[in-house]
PDB file of N, CA and C in Angstrom:
ATOM      1  N   MET A   1      -5.186   6.962  12.822  1.00  0.00           N
ATOM      2  CA  MET A   1      -5.122   8.144  11.692  1.00  0.00           C
ATOM      3  C   MET A   1      -4.102   9.184  12.249  1.00  0.00           C
ATOM      4  N   ASN A   2      -4.412   9.278  13.497  1.00  0.00           N
ATOM      5  CA  ASN A   2      -3.610  10.417  14.258  1.00  0.00           C
ATOM      6  C   ASN A   2      -2.035  10.386  14.395  1.00  0.00           C
ATOM      7  N   ASN A   3      -1.857   9.117  14.127  1.00  0.00           N
ATOM      8  CA  ASN A   3      -0.328   8.655  14.089  1.00  0.00           C
ATOM      9  C   ASN A   3       0.140   8.791  12.712  1.00  0.00           C
ATOM     10  N   ILE A   4      -0.607   8.682  11.706  1.00  0.00           N
ATOM     11  CA  ILE A   4      -0.122   8.857  10.295  1.00  0.00           C
ATOM     12  C   ILE A   4       0.040  10.400  10.000  1.00  0.00           C
ATOM     13  N   TYR A   5      -1.028  11.113  10.612  1.00  0.00           N
ATOM     14  CA  TYR A   5      -1.104  12.695  10.643  1.00  0.00           C
ATOM     15  C   TYR A   5       0.411  13.159  11.161  1.00  0.00           C
ATOM     16  N   GLU A   6       0.640  12.640  12.386  1.00  0.00           N
ATOM     17  CA  GLU A   6       1.752  13.211  13.125  1.00  0.00           C
ATOM     18  C   GLU A   6       3.264  12.735  12.325  1.00  0.00           C
ATOM     19  N   GLY A   7       3.193  11.456  11.959  1.00  0.00           N
ATOM     20  CA  GLY A   7       4.209  11.098  11.289  1.00  0.00           C
ATOM     21  C   GLY A   7       4.515  11.731  10.005  1.00  0.00           C
ATOM     22  N   ALA A   8       3.608  12.043   9.099  1.00  0.00           N
ATOM     23  CA  ALA A   8       3.777  12.805   7.899  1.00  0.00           C
ATOM     24  C   ALA A   8       4.121  14.263   8.069  1.00  0.00           C
ATOM     25  N   GLY A   9       3.506  14.518   9.237  1.00  0.00           N
ATOM     26  CA  GLY A   9       4.082  16.165   9.432  1.00  0.00           C
ATOM     27  C   GLY A   9       5.243  16.251   9.746  1.00  0.00           C
ATOM     28  N   ASN A  10       5.865  15.344  10.652  1.00  0.00           N
ATOM     29  CA  ASN A  10       7.275  15.414  11.021  1.00  0.00           C
ATOM     30  C   ASN A  10       8.132  15.226   9.938  1.00  0.00           C
ATOM     31  N   ILE A  11       7.702  14.347   8.933  1.00  0.00           N
ATOM     32  CA  ILE A  11       8.506  14.035   7.736  1.00  0.00           C
ATOM     33  C   ILE A  11       8.486  15.164   6.965  1.00  0.00           C
ATOM     34  N   HIS A  12       7.353  15.771   6.705  1.00  0.00           N
ATOM     35  CA  HIS A  12       7.375  17.020   5.667  1.00  0.00           C
ATOM     36  C   HIS A  12       7.979  18.280   6.537  1.00  0.00           C
ATOM     37  N   ASN A  13       7.875  18.430   7.834  1.00  0.00           N
ATOM     38  CA  ASN A  13       8.515  19.627   8.272  1.00  0.00           C
ATOM     39  C   ASN A  13      10.111  19.664   8.552  1.00  0.00           C
ATOM     40  N   GLY A  14      10.365  18.043   8.631  1.00  0.00           N
ATOM     41  CA  GLY A  14      11.940  18.023   9.263  1.00  0.00           C
ATOM     42  C   GLY A  14      12.278  17.928  10.722  1.00  0.00           C
ATOM     43  N   SER A  15      13.578  17.644  10.837  1.00  0.00           N
ATOM     44  CA  SER A  15      14.054  17.709  12.328  1.00  0.00           C
ATOM     45  C   SER A  15      14.239  19.088  12.966  1.00  0.00           C
ATOM     46  N   SER A  16      14.439  19.961  11.958  1.00  0.00           N
ATOM     47  CA  SER A  16      14.540  21.448  12.658  1.00  0.00           C
ATOM     48  C   SER A  16      13.198  22.114  13.001  1.00  0.00           C
ATOM     49  N   MET A  17      12.091  21.733  12.513  1.00  0.00           N
ATOM     50  CA  MET A  17      11.000  22.431  12.894  1.00  0.00           C
ATOM     51  C   MET A  17      10.325  21.544  14.302  1.00  0.00           C
ATOM     52  N   SER A  18       9.469  22.284  15.183  1.00  0.00           N
ATOM     53  CA  SER A  18       9.102  21.555  16.402  1.00  0.00           C
ATOM     54  C   SER A  18       8.051  20.499  15.915  1.00  0.00           C
ATOM     55  N   SER A  19       7.821  19.356  16.706  1.00  0.00           N
ATOM     56  CA  SER A  19       7.374  18.357  16.365  1.00  0.00           C
ATOM     57  C   SER A  19       5.613  18.595  16.297  1.00  0.00           C
ATOM     58  N   THR A  20       4.965  17.910  15.412  1.00  0.00           N
ATOM     59  CA  THR A  20       3.523  18.104  14.833  1.00  0.00           C
ATOM     60  C   THR A  20       2.919  17.442  15.879  1.00  0.00           C
ATOM     61  N   THR A  21       1.721  18.262  16.544  1.00  0.00           N
ATOM     62  CA  THR A  21       0.925  17.901  17.464  1.00  0.00           C
ATOM     63  C   THR A  21      -0.788  17.482  16.661  1.00  0.00           C
ATOM     64  N   ARG A  22      -0.990  16.237  16.792  1.00  0.00           N
ATOM     65  CA  ARG A  22      -2.349  16.003  15.926  1.00  0.00           C
ATOM     66  C   ARG A  22      -3.556  16.456  16.902  1.00  0.00           C
ATOM     67  N   PRO A  23      -4.464  16.584  16.510  1.00  0.00           N
ATOM     68  CA  PRO A  23      -5.959  16.758  17.161  1.00  0.00           C
ATOM     69  C   PRO A  23      -6.021  16.219  18.262  1.00  0.00           C
ATOM     70  N   LEU A  24      -6.152  14.855  18.210  1.00  0.00           N
ATOM     71  CA  LEU A  24      -6.306  13.996  19.245  1.00  0.00           C
ATOM     72  C   LEU A  24      -5.529  14.090  20.549  1.00  0.00           C
ATOM     73  N   ARG A  25      -4.256  14.123  20.272  1.00  0.00           N
ATOM     74  CA  ARG A  25      -3.206  14.359  21.453  1.00  0.00           C
ATOM     75  C   ARG A  25      -3.706  15.696  22.030  1.00  0.00           C
ATOM     76  N   LYS A  26      -3.835  16.828  21.200  1.00  0.00           N
ATOM     77  CA  LYS A  26      -4.051  18.104  21.743  1.00  0.00           C
ATOM     78  C   LYS A  26      -5.286  18.041  22.721  1.00  0.00           C
ATOM     79  N   ILE A  27      -6.534  17.240  22.477  1.00  0.00           N
ATOM     80  CA  ILE A  27      -7.417  16.770  23.194  1.00  0.00           C
ATOM     81  C   ILE A  27      -6.924  16.617  24.442  1.00  0.00           C
ATOM     82  N   TYR A  28      -6.322  15.509  24.309  1.00  0.00           N
ATOM     83  CA  TYR A  28      -5.615  14.892  25.586  1.00  0.00           C
ATOM     84  C   TYR A  28      -4.834  15.828  26.498  1.00  0.00           C
ATOM     85  N   GLN A  29      -4.122  16.683  25.746  1.00  0.00           N
ATOM     86  CA  GLN A  29      -3.330  17.680  26.768  1.00  0.00           C
ATOM     87  C   GLN A  29      -4.044  18.885  27.342  1.00  0.00           C
ATOM     88  N   ASP A  30      -5.087  19.026  26.637  1.00  0.00           N
ATOM     89  CA  ASP A  30      -6.287  20.002  27.312  1.00  0.00           C
ATOM     90  C   ASP A  30      -7.138  19.511  28.260  1.00  0.00           C
ATOM     91  N   THR A  31      -7.507  18.377  28.036  1.00  0.00           N
ATOM     92  CA  THR A  31      -8.454  17.681  29.098  1.00  0.00           C
ATOM     93  C   THR A  31      -7.662  17.382  30.544  1.00  0.00           C
ATOM     94  N   MET A  32      -6.401  16.839  30.284  1.00  0.00           N
ATOM     95  CA  MET A  32      -5.261  16.839  31.369  1.00  0.00           C
ATOM     96  C   MET A  32      -4.665  17.900  32.081  1.00  0.00           C
ATOM     97  N   ALA A  33      -5.000  19.201  31.424  1.00  0.00           N
ATOM     98  CA  ALA A  33      -4.353  20.288  31.837  1.00  0.00           C
ATOM     99  C   ALA A  33      -2.862  20.349  31.784  1.00  0.00           C
ATOM    100  N   GLY A  34      -2.295  19.711  30.957  1.00  0.00           N
ATOM    101  CA  GLY A  34      -0.921  19.822  31.012  1.00  0.00           C
ATOM    102  C   GLY A  34      -0.387  18.884  29.851  1.00  0.00           C
ATOM    103  N   VAL A  35       0.717  19.360  29.084  1.00  0.00           N
ATOM    104  CA  VAL A  35       1.280  18.640  28.099  1.00  0.00           C
ATOM    105  C   VAL A  35       1.855  17.525  28.638  1.00  0.00           C
ATOM    106  N   HIS A  36       2.426  17.115  29.560  1.00  0.00           N
ATOM    107  CA  HIS A  36       3.152  15.922  29.855  1.00  0.00           C
ATOM    108  C   HIS A  36       2.025  14.852  30.174  1.00  0.00           C
ATOM    109  N   GLU A  37       1.108  15.501  31.126  1.00  0.00           N
ATOM    110  CA  GLU A  37      -0.192  14.270  31.523  1.00  0.00           C
ATOM    111  C   GLU A  37      -0.624  13.980  30.550  1.00  0.00           C
ATOM    112  N   GLY A  38      -1.170  14.714  29.304  1.00  0.00           N
ATOM    113  CA  GLY A  38      -1.821  14.501  28.336  1.00  0.00           C
ATOM    114  C   GLY A  38      -1.034  13.644  27.333  1.00  0.00           C
ATOM    115  N   ASN A  39       0.289  13.555  27.162  1.00  0.00           N
ATOM    116  CA  ASN A  39       0.979  12.838  26.360  1.00  0.00           C
ATOM    117  C   ASN A  39       1.179  11.282  27.187  1.00  0.00           C
ATOM    118  N   ILE A  40       1.038  11.333  28.444  1.00  0.00           N
ATOM    119  CA  ILE A  40       1.184  10.207  28.953  1.00  0.00           C
ATOM    120  C   ILE A  40      -0.083   9.198  28.677  1.00  0.00           C
ATOM    121  N   LEU A  41      -1.066  10.040  28.825  1.00  0.00           N
ATOM    122  CA  LEU A  41      -2.196   9.276  28.722  1.00  0.00           C
ATOM    123  C   LEU A  41      -2.492   8.795  27.578  1.00  0.00           C
ATOM    124  N   TYR A  42      -2.033   9.694  26.453  1.00  0.00           N
ATOM    125  CA  TYR A  42      -2.278   9.454  25.167  1.00  0.00           C
ATOM    126  C   TYR A  42      -1.540   8.123  24.753  1.00  0.00           C
ATOM    127  N   GLY A  43      -0.347   7.910  25.293  1.00  0.00           N
ATOM    128  CA  GLY A  43       0.560   6.838  25.513  1.00  0.00           C
ATOM    129  C   GLY A  43      -0.064   5.517  25.723  1.00  0.00           C
ATOM    130  N   ILE A  44      -0.687   5.757  27.200  1.00  0.00           N
ATOM    131  CA  ILE A  44      -1.376   4.708  27.758  1.00  0.00           C
ATOM    132  C   ILE A  44      -2.321   3.906  27.064  1.00  0.00           C
ATOM    133  N   ASN A  45      -3.351   4.904  26.454  1.00  0.00           N
ATOM    134  CA  ASN A  45      -4.225   4.689  25.816  1.00  0.00           C
ATOM    135  C   ASN A  45      -4.145   3.930  24.246  1.00  0.00           C
ATOM    136  N   ASP A  46      -2.872   4.463  23.763  1.00  0.00           N
ATOM    137  CA  ASP A  46      -2.589   4.059  22.435  1.00  0.00           C
ATOM    138  C   ASP A  46      -1.943   2.498  22.688  1.00  0.00           C
ATOM    139  N   LEU A  47      -1.172   2.142  23.710  1.00  0.00           N
ATOM    140  CA  LEU A  47      -0.691   0.686  24.087  1.00  0.00           C
ATOM    141  C   LEU A  47      -2.013  -0.181  24.323  1.00  0.00           C
ATOM    142  N   GLY A  48      -2.815   0.560  25.370  1.00  0.00           N
ATOM    143  CA  GLY A  48      -4.072  -0.273  25.632  1.00  0.00           C
ATOM    144  C   GLY A  48      -4.761  -0.669  24.295  1.00  0.00           C
ATOM    145  N   LEU A  49      -4.981   0.129  23.578  1.00  0.00           N
ATOM    146  CA  LEU A  49      -5.770  -0.125  22.250  1.00  0.00           C
ATOM    147  C   LEU A  49      -4.995  -1.318  21.472  1.00  0.00           C
ATOM    148  N   SER A  50      -3.786  -1.091  21.574  1.00  0.00           N
ATOM    149  CA  SER A  50      -2.787  -1.868  20.581  1.00  0.00           C
ATOM    150  C   SER A  50      -2.819  -3.473  21.080  1.00  0.00           C
ATOM    151  N   VAL A  51      -2.613  -3.514  22.291  1.00  0.00           N
ATOM    152  CA  VAL A  51      -2.579  -5.004  23.086  1.00  0.00           C
ATOM    153  C   VAL A  51      -4.055  -5.187  22.987  1.00  0.00           C
ATOM    154  N   GLY A  52      -5.139  -4.548  23.389  1.00  0.00           N
ATOM    155  CA  GLY A  52      -6.483  -4.907  22.657  1.00  0.00           C
ATOM    156  C   GLY A  52      -6.754  -5.639  21.723  1.00  0.00           C
ATOM    157  N   GLY A  53      -6.437  -5.023  20.862  1.00  0.00           N
ATOM    158  CA  GLY A  53      -6.560  -5.484  19.198  1.00  0.00           C
ATOM    159  C   GLY A  53      -5.806  -6.463  18.968  1.00  0.00           C
ATOM    160  N   LEU A  54      -4.736  -6.882  19.516  1.00  0.00           N
ATOM    161  CA  LEU A  54      -3.725  -7.987  19.019  1.00  0.00           C
ATOM    162  C   LEU A  54      -4.377  -9.057  20.054  1.00  0.00           C
ATOM    163  N   THR A  55      -4.949  -8.885  21.020  1.00  0.00           N
ATOM    164  CA  THR A  55      -5.554 -10.153  21.939  1.00  0.00           C
ATOM    165  C   THR A  55      -7.131 -10.398  21.791  1.00  0.00           C
ATOM    166  N   TRP A  56      -7.706  -9.507  20.860  1.00  0.00           N
ATOM    167  CA  TRP A  56      -9.090  -9.540  20.770  1.00  0.00           C
ATOM    168  C   TRP A  56      -9.124 -10.911  19.764  1.00  0.00           C
ATOM    169  N   LEU A  57     -10.269 -11.471  20.042  1.00  0.00           N
ATOM    170  CA  LEU A  57     -10.877 -13.035  19.814  1.00  0.00           C
ATOM    171  C   LEU A  57     -11.258 -12.722  18.045  1.00  0.00           C
ATOM    172  N   VAL A  58     -10.864 -13.567  17.152  1.00  0.00           N
ATOM    173  CA  VAL A  58     -11.364 -13.379  15.624  1.00  0.00           C
ATOM    174  C   VAL A  58     -11.610 -14.643  15.281  1.00  0.00           C
ATOM    175  N   ARG A  59     -12.243 -14.532  14.366  1.00  0.00           N
ATOM    176  CA  ARG A  59     -12.970 -15.892  13.827  1.00  0.00           C
ATOM    177  C   ARG A  59     -11.872 -16.393  12.905  1.00  0.00           C
ATOM    178  N   LYS A  60     -11.494 -17.813  13.162  1.00  0.00           N
ATOM    179  CA  LYS A  60     -10.481 -18.542  12.324  1.00  0.00           C
ATOM    180  C   LYS A  60     -11.056 -18.451  11.106  1.00  0.00           C
ATOM    181  N   PRO A  61     -10.185 -18.888  10.094  1.00  0.00           N
ATOM    182  CA  PRO A  61     -10.344 -18.976   8.591  1.00  0.00           C
ATOM    183  C   PRO A  61     -11.013 -20.248   8.408  1.00  0.00           C
ATOM    184  N   ASN A  62     -12.115 -20.167   7.516  1.00  0.00           N
ATOM    185  CA  ASN A  62     -12.809 -21.226   7.155  1.00  0.00           C
ATOM    186  C   ASN A  62     -13.407 -21.997   8.462  1.00  0.00           C
ATOM    187  N   SER A  63     -13.811 -21.347   9.336  1.00  0.00           N
ATOM    188  CA  SER A  63     -14.258 -22.000  10.738  1.00  0.00           C
ATOM    189  C   SER A  63     -15.899 -22.109  10.172  1.00  0.00           C
ATOM    190  N   PHE A  64     -16.498 -22.897  10.780  1.00  0.00           N
ATOM    191  CA  PHE A  64     -17.906 -23.058  10.447  1.00  0.00           C
ATOM    192  C   PHE A  64     -18.896 -23.118  11.509  1.00  0.00           C
ATOM    193  N   GLN A  65     -19.870 -22.152  11.653  1.00  0.00           N
ATOM    194  CA  GLN A  65     -20.499 -21.802  12.899  1.00  0.00           C
ATOM    195  C   GLN A  65     -21.963 -21.666  12.565  1.00  0.00           C
ATOM    196  N   LEU A  66     -22.865 -22.526  13.281  1.00  0.00           N
ATOM    197  CA  LEU A  66     -24.326 -22.504  13.026  1.00  0.00           C
ATOM    198  C   LEU A  66     -25.192 -21.267  13.882  1.00  0.00           C
ATOM    199  N   PHE A  67     -25.326 -21.439  14.970  1.00  0.00           N
ATOM    200  CA  PHE A  67     -25.959 -20.854  15.905  1.00  0.00           C
ATOM    201  C   PHE A  67     -25.359 -19.950  16.816  1.00  0.00           C
ATOM    202  N   ARG A  68     -24.512 -20.657  17.455  1.00  0.00           N
ATOM    203  CA  ARG A  68     -24.006 -19.942  18.618  1.00  0.00           C
ATOM    204  C   ARG A  68     -22.740 -19.796  18.634  1.00  0.00           C
ATOM    205  N   GLN A  69     -21.994 -18.959  19.339  1.00  0.00           N
ATOM    206  CA  GLN A  69     -20.570 -18.615  19.302  1.00  0.00           C
ATOM    207  C   GLN A  69     -19.722 -19.611  20.012  1.00  0.00           C
ATOM    208  N   ASP A  70     -18.930 -20.509  19.108  1.00  0.00           N
ATOM    209  CA  ASP A  70     -18.166 -21.195  19.797  1.00  0.00           C
ATOM    210  C   ASP A  70     -16.706 -21.201  20.289  1.00  0.00           C
ATOM    211  N   LEU A  71     -16.111 -21.193  21.227  1.00  0.00           N
ATOM    212  CA  LEU A  71     -14.738 -20.582  21.223  1.00  0.00           C
ATOM    213  C   LEU A  71     -13.773 -21.258  20.492  1.00  0.00           C
ATOM    214  N   ILE A  72     -14.197 -22.546  19.928  1.00  0.00           N
ATOM    215  CA  ILE A  72     -13.415 -23.536  19.135  1.00  0.00           C
ATOM    216  C   ILE A  72     -13.123 -22.657  17.558  1.00  0.00           C
ATOM    217  N   ASN A  73     -14.154 -22.041  17.368  1.00  0.00           N
ATOM    218  CA  ASN A  73     -14.194 -21.371  15.958  1.00  0.00           C
ATOM    219  C   ASN A  73     -13.133 -19.837  16.011  1.00  0.00           C
ATOM    220  N   TYR A  74     -12.849 -19.601  17.363  1.00  0.00           N
ATOM    221  CA  TYR A  74     -11.973 -18.189  17.373  1.00  0.00           C
ATOM    222  C   TYR A  74     -10.538 -18.559  17.938  1.00  0.00           C
ATOM    223  N   THR A  75      -9.829 -17.696  17.651  1.00  0.00           N
ATOM    224  CA  THR A  75      -8.479 -17.410  17.869  1.00  0.00           C
ATOM    225  C   THR A  75      -8.017 -15.990  18.229  1.00  0.00           C
ATOM    226  N   ARG A  76      -6.735 -15.671  19.004  1.00  0.00           N
ATOM    227  CA  ARG A  76      -6.340 -14.405  19.208  1.00  0.00           C
ATOM    228  C   ARG A  76      -5.718 -13.805  17.813  1.00  0.00           C
ATOM    229  N   ALA A  77      -6.298 -12.523  17.872  1.00  0.00           N
ATOM    230  CA  ALA A  77      -5.861 -11.703  16.466  1.00  0.00           C
ATOM    231  C   ALA A  77      -4.501 -11.781  16.066  1.00  0.00           C
ATOM    232  N   PHE A  78      -3.483 -11.881  16.921  1.00  0.00           N
ATOM    233  CA  PHE A  78      -2.094 -11.712  16.821  1.00  0.00           C
ATOM    234  C   PHE A  78      -1.843 -13.202  16.149  1.00  0.00           C
ATOM    235  N   LYS A  79      -2.259 -13.958  16.210  1.00  0.00           N
ATOM    236  CA  LYS A  79      -1.992 -15.258  15.579  1.00  0.00           C
ATOM    237  C   LYS A  79      -2.235 -15.380  14.332  1.00  0.00           C
ATOM    238  N   GLN A  80      -3.181 -14.572  13.757  1.00  0.00           N
ATOM    239  CA  GLN A  80      -3.354 -14.520  12.439  1.00  0.00           C
ATOM    240  C   GLN A  80      -2.690 -13.150  11.667  1.00  0.00           C
ATOM    241  N   LEU A  81      -1.936 -12.434  12.490  1.00  0.00           N
ATOM    242  CA  LEU A  81      -1.061 -11.288  11.703  1.00  0.00           C
ATOM    243  C   LEU A  81       0.216 -12.073  11.025  1.00  0.00           C
ATOM    244  N   SER A  82       0.651 -11.471   9.904  1.00  0.00           N
ATOM    245  CA  SER A  82       1.904 -11.945   9.171  1.00  0.00           C
ATOM    246  C   SER A  82       2.725 -11.534  10.006  1.00  0.00           C
ATOM    247  N   LYS A  83       4.048 -12.186   9.877  1.00  0.00           N
ATOM    248  CA  LYS A  83       5.168 -11.703  10.755  1.00  0.00           C
ATOM    249  C   LYS A  83       5.537 -10.231  10.485  1.00  0.00           C
ATOM    250  N   PRO A  84       5.644  -9.657   9.345  1.00  0.00           N
ATOM    251  CA  PRO A  84       6.222  -8.224   9.242  1.00  0.00           C
ATOM    252  C   PRO A  84       4.872  -7.519   9.903  1.00  0.00           C
ATOM    253  N   ALA A  85       3.859  -7.756   9.650  1.00  0.00           N
ATOM    254  CA  ALA A  85       2.817  -6.868  10.560  1.00  0.00           C
ATOM    255  C   ALA A  85       2.902  -6.794  12.015  1.00  0.00           C
ATOM    256  N   LEU A  86       3.146  -8.220  12.608  1.00  0.00           N
ATOM    257  CA  LEU A  86       3.233  -8.291  13.898  1.00  0.00           C
ATOM    258  C   LEU A  86       4.405  -7.557  14.284  1.00  0.00           C
ATOM    259  N   THR A  87       5.640  -7.751  13.785  1.00  0.00           N
ATOM    260  CA  THR A  87       6.853  -7.032  13.881  1.00  0.00           C
ATOM    261  C   THR A  87       6.666  -5.624  13.927  1.00  0.00           C
ATOM    262  N   PHE A  88       5.801  -5.011  13.051  1.00  0.00           N
ATOM    263  CA  PHE A  88       5.768  -3.520  12.869  1.00  0.00           C
ATOM    264  C   PHE A  88       5.187  -2.982  14.061  1.00  0.00           C
ATOM    265  N   GLU A  89       4.125  -3.940  14.577  1.00  0.00           N
ATOM    266  CA  GLU A  89       3.422  -3.403  15.672  1.00  0.00           C
ATOM    267  C   GLU A  89       4.040  -3.492  17.125  1.00  0.00           C
ATOM    268  N   ILE A  90       4.871  -4.307  17.140  1.00  0.00           N
ATOM    269  CA  ILE A  90       5.971  -4.426  18.191  1.00  0.00           C
ATOM    270  C   ILE A  90       6.893  -3.227  17.932  1.00  0.00           C
ATOM    271  N   ILE A  91       7.314  -2.964  17.058  1.00  0.00           N
ATOM    272  CA  ILE A  91       8.492  -1.538  17.017  1.00  0.00           C
ATOM    273  C   ILE A  91       7.502  -0.343  17.100  1.00  0.00           C
ATOM    274  N   VAL A  92       6.174  -0.126  16.855  1.00  0.00           N
ATOM    275  CA  VAL A  92       5.755   0.990  17.017  1.00  0.00           C
ATOM    276  C   VAL A  92       5.239   1.102  18.606  1.00  0.00           C
ATOM    277  N   ASN A  93       4.939  -0.195  19.188  1.00  0.00           N
ATOM    278  CA  ASN A  93       4.569  -0.077  20.571  1.00  0.00           C
ATOM    279  C   ASN A  93       6.164   0.127  21.539  1.00  0.00           C
ATOM    280  N   ILE A  94       7.150  -0.401  20.895  1.00  0.00           N
ATOM    281  CA  ILE A  94       8.397  -0.096  21.702  1.00  0.00           C
ATOM    282  C   ILE A  94       8.689   1.442  21.535  1.00  0.00           C
ATOM    283  N   TYR A  95       8.207   2.215  20.381  1.00  0.00           N
ATOM    284  CA  TYR A  95       8.590   3.259  20.280  1.00  0.00           C
ATOM    285  C   TYR A  95       7.505   4.337  21.092  1.00  0.00           C
ATOM    286  N   THR A  96       6.585   3.904  21.189  1.00  0.00           N
ATOM    287  CA  THR A  96       5.409   4.582  22.265  1.00  0.00           C
ATOM    288  C   THR A  96       6.143   4.559  23.574  1.00  0.00           C
ATOM    289  N   ILE A  97       6.525   3.284  24.000  1.00  0.00           N
ATOM    290  CA  ILE A  97       7.044   3.394  25.410  1.00  0.00           C
ATOM    291  C   ILE A  97       8.323   4.121  25.541  1.00  0.00           C
ATOM    292  N   GLN A  98       9.281   4.237  24.808  1.00  0.00           N
ATOM    293  CA  GLN A  98      10.386   4.975  24.575  1.00  0.00           C
ATOM    294  C   GLN A  98       9.931   6.737  24.560  1.00  0.00           C
ATOM    295  N   SER A  99       9.002   6.992  23.679  1.00  0.00           N
ATOM    296  CA  SER A  99       8.712   8.273  24.001  1.00  0.00           C
ATOM    297  C   SER A  99       8.135   8.615  25.126  1.00  0.00           C
ATOM    298  N   MET A 100       7.179   7.905  25.678  1.00  0.00           N
ATOM    299  CA  MET A 100       6.532   8.010  27.148  1.00  0.00           C
ATOM    300  C   MET A 100       7.631   8.145  28.136  1.00  0.00           C
ATOM    301  N   LYS A 101       8.849   7.448  28.082  1.00  0.00           N
ATOM    302  CA  LYS A 101       9.724   7.686  28.901  1.00  0.00           C
ATOM    303  C   LYS A 101      10.629   8.814  28.801  1.00  0.00           C
ATOM    304  N   GLN A 102      10.802   9.300  28.082  1.00  0.00           N
ATOM    305  CA  GLN A 102      11.554  10.548  27.296  1.00  0.00           C
ATOM    306  C   GLN A 102      10.622  11.642  27.599  1.00  0.00           C
ATOM    307  N   GLU A 103       9.233  11.474  28.023  1.00  0.00           N
ATOM    308  CA  GLU A 103       8.519  12.371  28.295  1.00  0.00           C
ATOM    309  C   GLU A 103       8.935  13.325  29.467  1.00  0.00           C
ATOM    310  N   GLU A 104       9.208  14.559  29.655  1.00  0.00           N
ATOM    311  CA  GLU A 104       9.803  15.419  30.898  1.00  0.00           C
ATOM    312  C   GLU A 104       8.544  15.874  31.881  1.00  0.00           C
ATOM    313  N   PRO A 105       8.760  15.620  32.806  1.00  0.00           N
ATOM    314  CA  PRO A 105       7.490  16.129  33.796  1.00  0.00           C
ATOM    315  C   PRO A 105       7.768  17.546  33.940  1.00  0.00           C
ATOM    316  N   PRO A 106       6.736  18.402  34.290  1.00  0.00           N
ATOM    317  CA  PRO A 106       6.740  19.896  34.470  1.00  0.00           C
ATOM    318  C   PRO A 106       7.577  20.190  35.751  1.00  0.00           C
ATOM    319  N   GLU A 107       8.348  21.178  35.788  1.00  0.00           N
ATOM    320  CA  GLU A 107       8.721  21.346  37.354  1.00  0.00           C
ATOM    321  C   GLU A 107       8.093  22.410  38.113  1.00  0.00           C
TER     322      GLU A 107
END
């Protein structure tokens, strides 16, 4: 939700305006007592949640299970994603990594 808010704000305001800071990122910046540190922590959490979601075990389609969870009925989430959705997720993760690299530490 925060990514949508920031992306829409940046598209609406254009490149001539300062970048939109969403509320969750602002909380990270305030908690870490610095914009740089907060943005890096935000990026790490964003990537961690993405990788965690992609590697999460989910039920296979049409699997049958009676009483206990059997690993044969589960697969990693990225295996059930469509190619466009997986490509989009990878592109967004690459963008997050690039923005973290471009983050300038305070002097």
